[in-house]
Amino acid sequence: MRKAHSEVCEKVVELMNLDLLKEVNKWKDIMFEIRSKIAEQERYAGSKSNMRPWLIHWDRQLYKALDLQYRWGIESLHAQIPQIQAQLVFKEQRLQLRPPLEEIRAKYYREMKKFLSVPQKFRGVQDTEQANKIYAVMIERNANRFHSVYEKAEQLFDKLSAIDSQFEVSFRYVELPIR
């Protein structure tokens, strides 16, 4: 069990240094490895109740790793959300965004929600509903950070909505023949 403990420890340290926002699949892979290692130890244990303190310990350590990466992710969320492609097109005698700003905003907020809800979906090593509730609490504990996330998002959308005005002067005097 000592060897398994050391191996799980290495994996948790790896999670602490692994960007939750960019490396979601790697997080999942490492969590699978941790759960597999623990399941292997459960097979050798005489009683599952003897393993409970050990599992509680690892859930606490996983909480710390997730919380650390979650906080870092919140702080840099606006800069790390996957890029959303948009074009500025001249249509109906004016410049327009394609897709429209509302659609871009919806995609952006969908990505934000996906990240912000990670703790709610996170499964620890005990894999019981009660044990996994500790991760969902992380959202509430970090709720005070959400205001700045939404503020930064709205600043990005303000910049995006003003982008057409930079080019408006150039197109104001252009008359294109209609075919």
N, C-alpha and C. Protein backbone atom coordinates (compact mmCIF):
# COMPACT_ATOMS: atom_id res chain seq x y z
N MET A 1 0.83 -1.19 0.00
CA MET A 1 0.00 0.00 0.00
C MET A 1 0.88 1.26 0.00
N ARG A 2 2.05 1.18 0.57
CA ARG A 2 2.94 2.33 0.61
C ARG A 2 3.34 2.76 -0.81
N LYS A 3 3.60 1.77 -1.66
CA LYS A 3 3.98 2.07 -3.05
C LYS A 3 2.81 2.75 -3.77
N ALA A 4 1.61 2.22 -3.58
CA ALA A 4 0.42 2.80 -4.21
C ALA A 4 0.22 4.23 -3.71
N HIS A 5 0.44 4.44 -2.42
CA HIS A 5 0.30 5.78 -1.84
C HIS A 5 1.26 6.76 -2.53
N SER A 6 2.49 6.34 -2.71
CA SER A 6 3.49 7.20 -3.37
C SER A 6 3.12 7.48 -4.82
N GLU A 7 2.62 6.46 -5.51
CA GLU A 7 2.24 6.64 -6.91
C GLU A 7 1.05 7.59 -7.05
N VAL A 8 0.07 7.44 -6.17
CA VAL A 8 -1.08 8.34 -6.20
C VAL A 8 -0.63 9.76 -5.86
N CYS A 9 0.29 9.87 -4.92
CA CYS A 9 0.83 11.18 -4.54
C CYS A 9 1.47 11.87 -5.74
N GLU A 10 2.27 11.13 -6.50
CA GLU A 10 2.91 11.69 -7.71
C GLU A 10 1.86 12.17 -8.70
N LYS A 11 0.80 11.41 -8.86
CA LYS A 11 -0.27 11.77 -9.80
C LYS A 11 -0.99 13.04 -9.35
N VAL A 12 -1.24 13.17 -8.07
CA VAL A 12 -1.92 14.36 -7.55
C VAL A 12 -1.03 15.58 -7.72
N VAL A 13 0.25 15.43 -7.48
CA VAL A 13 1.19 16.54 -7.69
C VAL A 13 1.19 16.93 -9.17
N GLU A 14 1.12 15.94 -10.04
CA GLU A 14 1.05 16.21 -11.48
C GLU A 14 -0.21 17.01 -11.81
N LEU A 15 -1.33 16.67 -11.18
CA LEU A 15 -2.58 17.42 -11.39
C LEU A 15 -2.44 18.87 -10.94
N MET A 16 -1.72 19.08 -9.85
CA MET A 16 -1.54 20.45 -9.34
C MET A 16 -0.78 21.32 -10.33
N ASN A 17 0.02 20.70 -11.17
CA ASN A 17 0.82 21.44 -12.14
C ASN A 17 0.25 21.37 -13.55
N LEU A 18 -0.94 20.83 -13.69
CA LEU A 18 -1.55 20.62 -15.00
C LEU A 18 -2.73 21.57 -15.19
N ASP A 19 -2.66 22.40 -16.20
CA ASP A 19 -3.69 23.40 -16.47
C ASP A 19 -5.04 22.74 -16.73
N LEU A 20 -5.98 22.97 -15.84
CA LEU A 20 -7.31 22.39 -15.94
C LEU A 20 -8.07 22.88 -17.17
N LEU A 21 -7.79 24.10 -17.58
CA LEU A 21 -8.48 24.70 -18.71
C LEU A 21 -8.00 24.13 -20.05
N LYS A 22 -6.69 23.98 -20.18
CA LYS A 22 -6.11 23.53 -21.45
C LYS A 22 -5.94 22.01 -21.53
N GLU A 23 -5.79 21.36 -20.40
CA GLU A 23 -5.44 19.94 -20.37
C GLU A 23 -6.53 19.08 -19.74
N VAL A 24 -7.77 19.33 -20.11
CA VAL A 24 -8.90 18.61 -19.51
C VAL A 24 -8.76 17.10 -19.73
N ASN A 25 -8.40 16.70 -20.93
CA ASN A 25 -8.29 15.26 -21.21
C ASN A 25 -7.17 14.61 -20.41
N LYS A 26 -6.08 15.32 -20.25
CA LYS A 26 -4.98 14.78 -19.44
C LYS A 26 -5.41 14.65 -17.98
N TRP A 27 -6.19 15.63 -17.50
CA TRP A 27 -6.75 15.53 -16.14
C TRP A 27 -7.58 14.25 -16.02
N LYS A 28 -8.43 14.01 -17.01
CA LYS A 28 -9.29 12.82 -16.98
C LYS A 28 -8.45 11.55 -16.99
N ASP A 29 -7.40 11.53 -17.81
CA ASP A 29 -6.53 10.35 -17.88
C ASP A 29 -5.85 10.07 -16.54
N ILE A 30 -5.34 11.12 -15.92
CA ILE A 30 -4.66 10.95 -14.63
C ILE A 30 -5.65 10.51 -13.55
N MET A 31 -6.85 11.09 -13.58
CA MET A 31 -7.87 10.67 -12.61
C MET A 31 -8.22 9.19 -12.81
N PHE A 32 -8.27 8.75 -14.06
CA PHE A 32 -8.52 7.34 -14.34
C PHE A 32 -7.41 6.47 -13.75
N GLU A 33 -6.16 6.92 -13.91
CA GLU A 33 -5.02 6.18 -13.35
C GLU A 33 -5.11 6.12 -11.82
N ILE A 34 -5.46 7.23 -11.20
CA ILE A 34 -5.58 7.27 -9.74
C ILE A 34 -6.68 6.32 -9.28
N ARG A 35 -7.84 6.38 -9.94
CA ARG A 35 -8.95 5.51 -9.55
C ARG A 35 -8.59 4.03 -9.74
N SER A 36 -7.88 3.75 -10.83
CA SER A 36 -7.46 2.36 -11.09
C SER A 36 -6.51 1.87 -10.01
N LYS A 37 -5.56 2.71 -9.63
CA LYS A 37 -4.60 2.34 -8.58
C LYS A 37 -5.33 2.09 -7.26
N ILE A 38 -6.30 2.92 -6.96
CA ILE A 38 -7.05 2.77 -5.71
C ILE A 38 -7.94 1.53 -5.76
N ALA A 39 -8.56 1.28 -6.91
CA ALA A 39 -9.40 0.08 -7.07
C ALA A 39 -8.55 -1.18 -6.89
N GLU A 40 -7.34 -1.13 -7.39
CA GLU A 40 -6.41 -2.26 -7.23
C GLU A 40 -6.13 -2.51 -5.75
N GLN A 41 -5.93 -1.45 -5.00
CA GLN A 41 -5.67 -1.58 -3.56
C GLN A 41 -6.91 -2.07 -2.81
N GLU A 42 -8.09 -1.67 -3.28
CA GLU A 42 -9.33 -2.12 -2.64
C GLU A 42 -9.51 -3.63 -2.77
N ARG A 43 -9.02 -4.18 -3.88
CA ARG A 43 -9.13 -5.63 -4.08
C ARG A 43 -8.30 -6.39 -3.04
N TYR A 44 -7.18 -5.80 -2.65
CA TYR A 44 -6.29 -6.45 -1.69
C TYR A 44 -6.67 -6.17 -0.24
N ALA A 45 -7.45 -5.16 -0.03
CA ALA A 45 -7.83 -4.78 1.35
C ALA A 45 -8.80 -5.80 1.92
N GLY A 46 -8.65 -6.06 3.18
CA GLY A 46 -9.55 -7.01 3.83
C GLY A 46 -10.96 -6.47 3.92
N SER A 47 -11.06 -5.18 4.20
CA SER A 47 -12.36 -4.56 4.39
C SER A 47 -12.34 -3.16 3.78
N LYS A 48 -13.41 -2.83 3.08
CA LYS A 48 -13.48 -1.49 2.48
C LYS A 48 -13.52 -0.41 3.54
N SER A 49 -14.08 -0.73 4.68
CA SER A 49 -14.16 0.27 5.75
C SER A 49 -12.77 0.63 6.26
N ASN A 50 -11.81 -0.29 6.13
CA ASN A 50 -10.43 0.01 6.53
C ASN A 50 -9.79 1.02 5.58
N MET A 51 -10.28 1.07 4.37
CA MET A 51 -9.70 1.97 3.36
C MET A 51 -10.31 3.37 3.40
N ARG A 52 -11.44 3.50 4.08
CA ARG A 52 -12.17 4.77 4.07
C ARG A 52 -11.31 5.97 4.47
N PRO A 53 -10.54 5.93 5.56
CA PRO A 53 -9.71 7.09 5.91
C PRO A 53 -8.70 7.45 4.81
N TRP A 54 -8.17 6.43 4.17
CA TRP A 54 -7.21 6.65 3.08
C TRP A 54 -7.90 7.33 1.90
N LEU A 55 -9.10 6.88 1.57
CA LEU A 55 -9.86 7.47 0.47
C LEU A 55 -10.26 8.91 0.79
N ILE A 56 -10.65 9.15 2.03
CA ILE A 56 -10.99 10.53 2.45
C ILE A 56 -9.77 11.42 2.29
N HIS A 57 -8.61 10.90 2.69
CA HIS A 57 -7.36 11.66 2.54
C HIS A 57 -7.14 12.04 1.08
N TRP A 58 -7.31 11.08 0.17
CA TRP A 58 -7.05 11.38 -1.25
C TRP A 58 -8.11 12.31 -1.84
N ASP A 59 -9.34 12.20 -1.37
CA ASP A 59 -10.34 13.16 -1.83
C ASP A 59 -9.97 14.58 -1.40
N ARG A 60 -9.43 14.73 -0.22
CA ARG A 60 -9.00 16.06 0.24
C ARG A 60 -7.84 16.58 -0.60
N GLN A 61 -6.92 15.70 -0.94
CA GLN A 61 -5.77 16.11 -1.75
C GLN A 61 -6.23 16.48 -3.17
N LEU A 62 -7.16 15.70 -3.69
CA LEU A 62 -7.71 16.01 -5.02
C LEU A 62 -8.47 17.34 -5.00
N TYR A 63 -9.16 17.59 -3.89
CA TYR A 63 -9.86 18.87 -3.74
C TYR A 63 -8.85 20.01 -3.84
N LYS A 64 -7.73 19.88 -3.15
CA LYS A 64 -6.70 20.93 -3.18
C LYS A 64 -6.17 21.14 -4.59
N ALA A 65 -5.91 20.05 -5.30
CA ALA A 65 -5.39 20.16 -6.67
C ALA A 65 -6.42 20.82 -7.58
N LEU A 66 -7.67 20.38 -7.48
CA LEU A 66 -8.72 20.95 -8.31
C LEU A 66 -8.95 22.41 -7.98
N ASP A 67 -8.97 22.73 -6.70
CA ASP A 67 -9.20 24.11 -6.27
C ASP A 67 -8.10 25.03 -6.79
N LEU A 68 -6.86 24.59 -6.70
CA LEU A 68 -5.74 25.39 -7.19
C LEU A 68 -5.89 25.67 -8.68
N GLN A 69 -6.14 24.64 -9.46
CA GLN A 69 -6.27 24.82 -10.91
C GLN A 69 -7.54 25.57 -11.28
N TYR A 70 -8.58 25.38 -10.51
CA TYR A 70 -9.85 26.08 -10.75
C TYR A 70 -9.66 27.58 -10.54
N ARG A 71 -8.99 27.96 -9.47
CA ARG A 71 -8.73 29.38 -9.20
C ARG A 71 -7.86 29.99 -10.29
N TRP A 72 -6.81 29.29 -10.68
CA TRP A 72 -5.95 29.81 -11.76
C TRP A 72 -6.75 29.93 -13.05
N GLY A 73 -7.60 28.94 -13.30
CA GLY A 73 -8.42 28.98 -14.51
C GLY A 73 -9.39 30.15 -14.52
N ILE A 74 -9.99 30.44 -13.38
CA ILE A 74 -10.92 31.57 -13.28
C ILE A 74 -10.19 32.87 -13.61
N GLU A 75 -8.99 33.03 -13.07
CA GLU A 75 -8.23 34.26 -13.28
C GLU A 75 -7.83 34.47 -14.74
N SER A 76 -7.62 33.39 -15.47
CA SER A 76 -7.15 33.53 -16.86
C SER A 76 -8.18 33.04 -17.87
N LEU A 77 -9.39 32.83 -17.43
CA LEU A 77 -10.44 32.27 -18.30
C LEU A 77 -10.66 33.09 -19.56
N HIS A 78 -10.72 34.41 -19.43
CA HIS A 78 -10.99 35.27 -20.58
C HIS A 78 -9.92 35.14 -21.66
N ALA A 79 -8.71 34.80 -21.29
CA ALA A 79 -7.62 34.70 -22.26
C ALA A 79 -7.45 33.28 -22.81
N GLN A 80 -8.09 32.30 -22.17
CA GLN A 80 -7.83 30.92 -22.56
C GLN A 80 -9.03 30.18 -23.14
N ILE A 81 -10.17 30.82 -23.20
CA ILE A 81 -11.32 30.17 -23.83
C ILE A 81 -10.97 29.90 -25.29
N PRO A 82 -11.34 28.73 -25.81
CA PRO A 82 -11.02 28.44 -27.21
C PRO A 82 -11.49 29.56 -28.14
N GLN A 83 -10.67 29.82 -29.13
CA GLN A 83 -10.93 30.91 -30.06
C GLN A 83 -12.25 30.70 -30.80
N ILE A 84 -13.00 31.77 -30.96
CA ILE A 84 -14.26 31.73 -31.70
C ILE A 84 -14.02 32.54 -32.97
N GLN A 85 -14.16 31.88 -34.11
CA GLN A 85 -13.92 32.54 -35.39
C GLN A 85 -15.09 33.44 -35.75
N ALA A 86 -14.77 34.64 -36.20
CA ALA A 86 -15.79 35.60 -36.65
C ALA A 86 -15.23 36.38 -37.82
N GLN A 87 -16.12 36.83 -38.68
CA GLN A 87 -15.72 37.64 -39.83
C GLN A 87 -16.47 38.96 -39.79
N LEU A 88 -15.83 39.97 -40.32
CA LEU A 88 -16.47 41.27 -40.48
C LEU A 88 -16.81 41.37 -41.96
N VAL A 89 -18.09 41.38 -42.29
CA VAL A 89 -18.52 41.38 -43.69
C VAL A 89 -19.33 42.63 -44.00
N PHE A 90 -19.28 43.04 -45.26
CA PHE A 90 -20.05 44.19 -45.72
C PHE A 90 -21.31 43.64 -46.36
N LYS A 91 -22.44 43.88 -45.70
CA LYS A 91 -23.71 43.32 -46.17
C LYS A 91 -24.80 44.34 -45.90
N GLU A 92 -25.69 44.50 -46.86
CA GLU A 92 -26.81 45.43 -46.74
C GLU A 92 -26.32 46.84 -46.41
N GLN A 93 -25.30 47.26 -47.14
CA GLN A 93 -24.73 48.61 -47.04
C GLN A 93 -24.13 48.94 -45.67
N ARG A 94 -23.75 47.90 -44.91
CA ARG A 94 -23.09 48.16 -43.63
C ARG A 94 -22.23 46.96 -43.24
N LEU A 95 -21.32 47.23 -42.31
CA LEU A 95 -20.46 46.16 -41.80
C LEU A 95 -21.20 45.36 -40.73
N GLN A 96 -21.04 44.04 -40.81
CA GLN A 96 -21.71 43.16 -39.85
C GLN A 96 -20.77 42.03 -39.45
N LEU A 97 -20.95 41.57 -38.24
CA LEU A 97 -20.19 40.41 -37.78
C LEU A 97 -20.91 39.14 -38.21
N ARG A 98 -20.12 38.19 -38.64
CA ARG A 98 -20.68 36.89 -38.96
C ARG A 98 -19.86 35.85 -38.24
N PRO A 99 -20.37 35.06 -37.35
CA PRO A 99 -21.73 35.05 -36.85
C PRO A 99 -22.04 36.32 -36.06
N PRO A 100 -23.32 36.60 -35.86
CA PRO A 100 -23.70 37.82 -35.13
C PRO A 100 -23.14 37.83 -33.70
N LEU A 101 -23.02 39.01 -33.15
CA LEU A 101 -22.47 39.20 -31.81
C LEU A 101 -23.21 38.35 -30.77
N GLU A 102 -24.51 38.24 -30.89
CA GLU A 102 -25.30 37.47 -29.93
C GLU A 102 -24.88 35.99 -29.95
N GLU A 103 -24.61 35.47 -31.14
CA GLU A 103 -24.20 34.08 -31.27
C GLU A 103 -22.78 33.88 -30.71
N ILE A 104 -21.91 34.83 -30.95
CA ILE A 104 -20.54 34.77 -30.41
C ILE A 104 -20.61 34.81 -28.89
N ARG A 105 -21.44 35.71 -28.38
CA ARG A 105 -21.60 35.84 -26.92
C ARG A 105 -22.12 34.53 -26.33
N ALA A 106 -23.09 33.91 -26.98
CA ALA A 106 -23.66 32.65 -26.49
C ALA A 106 -22.60 31.55 -26.46
N LYS A 107 -21.78 31.46 -27.51
CA LYS A 107 -20.71 30.45 -27.55
C LYS A 107 -19.70 30.70 -26.44
N TYR A 108 -19.34 31.95 -26.25
CA TYR A 108 -18.36 32.32 -25.24
C TYR A 108 -18.86 31.95 -23.84
N TYR A 109 -20.10 32.33 -23.55
CA TYR A 109 -20.66 32.03 -22.24
C TYR A 109 -20.88 30.53 -22.03
N ARG A 110 -21.13 29.80 -23.11
CA ARG A 110 -21.25 28.35 -23.01
C ARG A 110 -19.91 27.73 -22.57
N GLU A 111 -18.81 28.23 -23.17
CA GLU A 111 -17.47 27.76 -22.79
C GLU A 111 -17.15 28.15 -21.35
N MET A 112 -17.54 29.36 -20.96
CA MET A 112 -17.32 29.79 -19.58
C MET A 112 -18.06 28.88 -18.61
N LYS A 113 -19.31 28.61 -18.92
CA LYS A 113 -20.13 27.77 -18.05
C LYS A 113 -19.53 26.37 -17.94
N LYS A 114 -19.03 25.87 -19.06
CA LYS A 114 -18.43 24.54 -19.07
C LYS A 114 -17.28 24.47 -18.06
N PHE A 115 -16.43 25.50 -18.06
CA PHE A 115 -15.31 25.50 -17.13
C PHE A 115 -15.78 25.74 -15.69
N LEU A 116 -16.63 26.72 -15.51
CA LEU A 116 -17.05 27.07 -14.15
C LEU A 116 -17.81 25.94 -13.45
N SER A 117 -18.40 25.03 -14.23
CA SER A 117 -19.15 23.93 -13.63
C SER A 117 -18.33 22.65 -13.45
N VAL A 118 -17.04 22.69 -13.75
CA VAL A 118 -16.18 21.51 -13.61
C VAL A 118 -16.28 20.88 -12.21
N PRO A 119 -16.17 21.65 -11.13
CA PRO A 119 -16.24 21.02 -9.80
C PRO A 119 -17.55 20.28 -9.53
N GLN A 120 -18.62 20.75 -10.13
CA GLN A 120 -19.92 20.12 -9.93
C GLN A 120 -19.95 18.71 -10.53
N LYS A 121 -19.20 18.51 -11.60
CA LYS A 121 -19.19 17.22 -12.30
C LYS A 121 -18.03 16.33 -11.86
N PHE A 122 -17.13 16.87 -11.06
CA PHE A 122 -15.92 16.14 -10.68
C PHE A 122 -16.24 14.98 -9.75
N ARG A 123 -15.63 13.84 -10.03
CA ARG A 123 -15.78 12.65 -9.20
C ARG A 123 -14.47 12.38 -8.48
N GLY A 124 -14.54 12.21 -7.19
CA GLY A 124 -13.35 11.89 -6.42
C GLY A 124 -13.08 10.40 -6.43
N VAL A 125 -12.28 9.94 -5.49
CA VAL A 125 -11.92 8.52 -5.45
C VAL A 125 -12.94 7.67 -4.70
N GLN A 126 -13.73 8.28 -3.81
CA GLN A 126 -14.73 7.49 -3.09
C GLN A 126 -15.93 7.18 -3.98
N ASP A 127 -16.16 8.03 -4.94
CA ASP A 127 -17.22 7.85 -5.93
C ASP A 127 -18.59 7.58 -5.31
N THR A 128 -18.91 8.34 -4.30
CA THR A 128 -20.26 8.31 -3.75
C THR A 128 -20.82 9.72 -3.89
N GLU A 129 -22.11 9.80 -3.97
CA GLU A 129 -22.74 11.12 -4.15
C GLU A 129 -22.36 12.06 -3.01
N GLN A 130 -22.38 11.54 -1.81
CA GLN A 130 -22.05 12.36 -0.64
C GLN A 130 -20.60 12.85 -0.71
N ALA A 131 -19.68 11.97 -1.06
CA ALA A 131 -18.26 12.34 -1.11
C ALA A 131 -18.00 13.35 -2.22
N ASN A 132 -18.71 13.24 -3.33
CA ASN A 132 -18.48 14.14 -4.46
C ASN A 132 -19.09 15.53 -4.26
N LYS A 133 -19.95 15.67 -3.26
CA LYS A 133 -20.54 16.99 -2.97
C LYS A 133 -19.48 17.99 -2.52
N ILE A 134 -18.38 17.50 -1.96
CA ILE A 134 -17.35 18.44 -1.49
C ILE A 134 -16.77 19.24 -2.65
N TYR A 135 -16.76 18.65 -3.83
CA TYR A 135 -16.22 19.36 -4.99
C TYR A 135 -17.18 20.44 -5.48
N ALA A 136 -18.48 20.16 -5.42
CA ALA A 136 -19.48 21.14 -5.85
C ALA A 136 -19.44 22.39 -4.99
N VAL A 137 -19.07 22.25 -3.73
CA VAL A 137 -18.98 23.39 -2.81
C VAL A 137 -17.92 24.39 -3.29
N MET A 138 -16.96 23.88 -4.05
CA MET A 138 -15.88 24.73 -4.57
C MET A 138 -16.44 25.89 -5.40
N ILE A 139 -17.52 25.65 -6.10
CA ILE A 139 -18.13 26.71 -6.92
C ILE A 139 -18.59 27.85 -6.02
N GLU A 140 -19.28 27.51 -4.95
CA GLU A 140 -19.75 28.53 -4.01
C GLU A 140 -18.59 29.28 -3.37
N ARG A 141 -17.55 28.55 -3.03
CA ARG A 141 -16.40 29.17 -2.36
C ARG A 141 -15.63 30.12 -3.28
N ASN A 142 -15.79 29.95 -4.57
CA ASN A 142 -15.09 30.81 -5.51
C ASN A 142 -16.03 31.79 -6.22
N ALA A 143 -17.28 31.82 -5.80
CA ALA A 143 -18.28 32.67 -6.45
C ALA A 143 -17.88 34.15 -6.44
N ASN A 144 -17.15 34.58 -5.44
CA ASN A 144 -16.72 35.98 -5.39
C ASN A 144 -15.77 36.34 -6.53
N ARG A 145 -15.19 35.36 -7.17
CA ARG A 145 -14.28 35.60 -8.31
C ARG A 145 -15.03 35.71 -9.64
N PHE A 146 -16.27 35.27 -9.67
CA PHE A 146 -17.02 35.23 -10.92
C PHE A 146 -17.32 36.62 -11.48
N HIS A 147 -17.51 37.59 -10.61
CA HIS A 147 -17.83 38.95 -11.06
C HIS A 147 -16.76 39.45 -12.03
N SER A 148 -15.51 39.26 -11.70
CA SER A 148 -14.43 39.75 -12.58
C SER A 148 -14.40 38.97 -13.89
N VAL A 149 -14.78 37.69 -13.85
CA VAL A 149 -14.83 36.88 -15.07
C VAL A 149 -15.87 37.46 -16.03
N TYR A 150 -17.05 37.76 -15.51
CA TYR A 150 -18.12 38.31 -16.34
C TYR A 150 -17.79 39.74 -16.78
N GLU A 151 -17.14 40.48 -15.93
CA GLU A 151 -16.72 41.84 -16.27
C GLU A 151 -15.74 41.82 -17.45
N LYS A 152 -14.76 40.93 -17.38
CA LYS A 152 -13.78 40.81 -18.47
C LYS A 152 -14.45 40.35 -19.76
N ALA A 153 -15.43 39.48 -19.64
CA ALA A 153 -16.16 39.01 -20.82
C ALA A 153 -16.89 40.17 -21.47
N GLU A 154 -17.56 40.98 -20.67
CA GLU A 154 -18.29 42.12 -21.23
C GLU A 154 -17.34 43.15 -21.84
N GLN A 155 -16.16 43.32 -21.27
CA GLN A 155 -15.16 44.21 -21.87
C GLN A 155 -14.75 43.70 -23.25
N LEU A 156 -14.59 42.40 -23.37
CA LEU A 156 -14.25 41.81 -24.68
C LEU A 156 -15.37 42.06 -25.69
N PHE A 157 -16.62 41.90 -25.25
CA PHE A 157 -17.75 42.12 -26.15
C PHE A 157 -17.92 43.59 -26.52
N ASP A 158 -17.60 44.48 -25.60
CA ASP A 158 -17.63 45.92 -25.91
C ASP A 158 -16.61 46.23 -27.01
N LYS A 159 -15.42 45.67 -26.89
CA LYS A 159 -14.39 45.87 -27.92
C LYS A 159 -14.84 45.29 -29.25
N LEU A 160 -15.44 44.11 -29.19
CA LEU A 160 -15.89 43.46 -30.41
C LEU A 160 -17.02 44.23 -31.09
N SER A 161 -17.94 44.76 -30.31
CA SER A 161 -19.05 45.51 -30.91
C SER A 161 -18.59 46.84 -31.49
N ALA A 162 -17.46 47.35 -31.03
CA ALA A 162 -16.94 48.62 -31.54
C ALA A 162 -15.99 48.43 -32.72
N ILE A 163 -15.68 47.20 -33.05
CA ILE A 163 -14.69 46.96 -34.10
C ILE A 163 -15.14 47.45 -35.47
N ASP A 164 -16.43 47.36 -35.74
CA ASP A 164 -16.91 47.82 -37.05
C ASP A 164 -16.76 49.33 -37.22
N SER A 165 -16.80 50.08 -36.14
CA SER A 165 -16.66 51.54 -36.24
C SER A 165 -15.27 51.95 -36.73
N GLN A 166 -14.27 51.12 -36.52
CA GLN A 166 -12.92 51.40 -37.01
C GLN A 166 -12.88 51.42 -38.53
N PHE A 167 -13.72 50.61 -39.15
CA PHE A 167 -13.71 50.49 -40.60
C PHE A 167 -14.85 51.24 -41.26
N GLU A 168 -15.79 51.72 -40.47
CA GLU A 168 -16.98 52.38 -40.99
C GLU A 168 -16.63 53.58 -41.86
N VAL A 169 -15.68 54.38 -41.44
CA VAL A 169 -15.29 55.57 -42.18
C VAL A 169 -14.82 55.20 -43.58
N SER A 170 -14.09 54.11 -43.68
CA SER A 170 -13.58 53.68 -44.98
C SER A 170 -14.70 53.28 -45.92
N PHE A 171 -15.74 52.67 -45.40
CA PHE A 171 -16.81 52.17 -46.24
C PHE A 171 -17.95 53.17 -46.42
N ARG A 172 -17.96 54.24 -45.68
CA ARG A 172 -19.06 55.18 -45.72
C ARG A 172 -19.23 55.78 -47.12
N TYR A 173 -18.14 56.03 -47.81
CA TYR A 173 -18.20 56.72 -49.09
C TYR A 173 -18.05 55.79 -50.28
N VAL A 174 -18.04 54.52 -50.03
CA VAL A 174 -17.90 53.56 -51.11
C VAL A 174 -19.28 53.13 -51.57
N GLU A 175 -19.52 53.28 -52.87
CA GLU A 175 -20.76 52.79 -53.43
C GLU A 175 -20.43 51.61 -54.30
N LEU A 176 -20.96 50.48 -53.94
CA LEU A 176 -20.70 49.28 -54.71
C LEU A 176 -21.88 49.05 -55.65
N PRO A 177 -21.56 48.69 -56.87
CA PRO A 177 -22.65 48.41 -57.81
C PRO A 177 -23.42 47.16 -57.38
N ILE A 178 -24.72 47.24 -57.52
CA ILE A 178 -25.57 46.10 -57.16
C ILE A 178 -25.78 45.27 -58.41
N ARG A 179 -25.56 44.01 -58.29
CA ARG A 179 -25.71 43.10 -59.45
C ARG A 179 -27.02 42.39 -59.43
